Amino acid sequence: LKRRMLQSIMATRTYKEGEIVWSSGRQAEIAVLVASGRFIFQNGHQIHPFQRGAFIGEIDQILDGSALTTTLRCTQSGSCYVAQRAGLRKFFEMYPGSVLLFMRRQFLE
């Protein structure tokens, strides 16, 4: 049931190499699940890019509507399943235990 609900709030979006997915300082509006391609935090010190299966989002900021602390950039063209803030908030309201898995993280692999 949780999986179906999560799938229902996600839409597929394609990103080109070099495209910014979101920018630091802007309001948190989305989280993404990488389907293909590679993505990095532009202002981070990560060693490996995010690839297929990585869930990326600033959940604390999505829940409280605050500004993002990272910039996510596509480094190899690909696609993501994108969840909008309203859908994620509804999902977490229906399944409050799920939020614990995502809190205080910027990504989940």
Protein backbone atom coordinates (compact mmCIF):
# COMPACT_ATOMS: atom_id res chain seq x y z
CA LEU A 1 0.00 0.00 0.00
CA LYS A 2 2.82 2.44 0.86
CA ARG A 3 4.61 1.65 -2.38
CA ARG A 4 1.48 2.32 -4.44
CA MET A 5 0.86 5.60 -2.66
CA LEU A 6 4.46 6.71 -3.21
CA GLN A 7 4.28 5.73 -6.88
CA SER A 8 1.05 7.69 -7.28
CA ILE A 9 2.71 10.95 -6.20
CA MET A 10 5.73 10.61 -8.51
CA ALA A 11 6.09 11.72 -12.12
CA THR A 12 8.98 10.96 -14.49
CA ARG A 13 11.22 13.83 -15.57
CA THR A 14 14.28 13.82 -17.83
CA TYR A 15 17.35 15.90 -17.00
CA LYS A 16 20.18 16.92 -19.33
CA GLU A 17 23.83 16.93 -18.39
CA GLY A 18 24.61 20.15 -16.53
CA GLU A 19 20.98 20.89 -15.66
CA ILE A 20 20.27 22.08 -12.14
CA VAL A 21 17.54 20.03 -10.42
CA TRP A 22 17.26 22.43 -7.47
CA SER A 23 19.30 25.31 -6.05
CA SER A 24 20.48 26.16 -2.57
CA GLY A 25 18.51 28.99 -0.99
CA ARG A 26 15.26 28.27 -2.84
CA GLN A 27 12.21 26.74 -1.18
CA ALA A 28 12.24 22.93 -1.09
CA GLU A 29 9.62 21.71 -3.58
CA ILE A 30 10.69 18.24 -4.72
CA ALA A 31 12.53 15.03 -3.90
CA VAL A 32 13.75 12.64 -6.61
CA LEU A 33 14.36 8.93 -7.07
CA VAL A 34 17.06 8.43 -9.69
CA ALA A 35 16.00 6.09 -12.53
CA SER A 36 19.05 6.69 -14.75
CA GLY A 37 21.94 9.10 -15.17
CA ARG A 38 24.15 10.65 -12.50
CA PHE A 39 23.60 13.53 -10.09
CA ILE A 40 25.80 15.38 -7.59
CA PHE A 41 25.50 18.01 -4.91
CA GLN A 42 27.27 20.90 -6.57
CA ASN A 43 28.28 22.45 -3.26
CA GLY A 44 29.03 19.17 -1.50
CA HIS A 45 32.07 17.00 -1.03
CA GLN A 46 30.63 13.68 -2.11
CA ILE A 47 32.98 11.22 -3.75
CA HIS A 48 30.49 9.23 -5.80
CA PRO A 49 27.58 10.59 -7.83
CA PHE A 50 24.04 9.50 -7.09
CA GLN A 51 22.90 6.83 -9.52
CA ARG A 52 19.92 4.55 -10.13
CA GLY A 53 17.99 3.83 -6.94
CA ALA A 54 19.18 6.85 -4.92
CA PHE A 55 16.41 8.84 -3.25
CA ILE A 56 17.51 12.47 -2.94
CA GLY A 57 15.66 15.19 -1.10
CA GLU A 58 15.96 17.56 1.83
CA ILE A 59 13.02 16.13 3.73
CA ASP A 60 13.26 18.44 6.75
CA GLN A 61 13.07 21.44 4.39
CA ILE A 62 10.23 19.89 2.39
CA LEU A 63 8.19 19.34 5.55
CA ASP A 64 8.69 22.79 7.03
CA GLY A 65 8.92 24.76 3.77
CA SER A 66 12.35 26.20 4.52
CA ALA A 67 15.19 26.96 2.11
CA LEU A 68 17.34 24.24 0.56
CA THR A 69 20.94 23.85 1.75
CA THR A 70 22.21 22.07 -1.39
CA THR A 71 22.28 22.44 -5.14
CA LEU A 72 21.64 19.23 -7.08
CA ARG A 73 23.06 19.02 -10.61
CA CYS A 74 22.81 16.35 -13.31
CA THR A 75 26.27 15.21 -14.46
CA GLN A 76 25.10 12.51 -16.90
CA SER A 77 21.77 12.84 -18.69
CA GLY A 78 19.07 10.67 -17.21
CA SER A 79 15.66 10.59 -15.61
CA CYS A 80 14.16 10.70 -12.14
CA TYR A 81 10.85 9.99 -10.52
CA VAL A 82 9.93 13.35 -9.00
CA ALA A 83 7.71 13.79 -5.95
CA GLN A 84 6.27 17.26 -5.27
CA ARG A 85 6.21 18.68 -1.75
CA ALA A 86 2.42 18.47 -1.37
CA GLY A 87 2.37 14.79 -2.32
CA LEU A 88 5.24 13.94 0.00
CA ARG A 89 3.61 15.76 2.90
CA LYS A 90 0.38 13.83 2.29
CA PHE A 91 2.33 10.55 2.13
CA PHE A 92 4.06 11.30 5.45
CA GLU A 93 0.73 12.24 7.05
CA MET A 94 -0.74 8.89 5.99
CA TYR A 95 2.39 6.92 6.98
CA PRO A 96 4.03 8.92 9.79
CA GLY A 97 6.53 6.17 10.62
CA SER A 98 8.02 6.55 7.14
CA VAL A 99 9.23 10.06 7.86
CA LEU A 100 11.70 8.69 10.42
CA LEU A 101 13.57 6.92 7.63
CA PHE A 102 14.05 10.17 5.74
CA MET A 103 14.51 12.80 8.47
CA ARG A 104 17.83 14.61 8.79
CA ARG A 105 19.11 13.15 5.54
CA GLN A 106 19.68 14.68 2.17
CA PHE A 107 19.77 11.37 0.36
CA LEU A 108 19.07 7.70 0.82
CA GLU A 109 20.78 4.99 -1.21
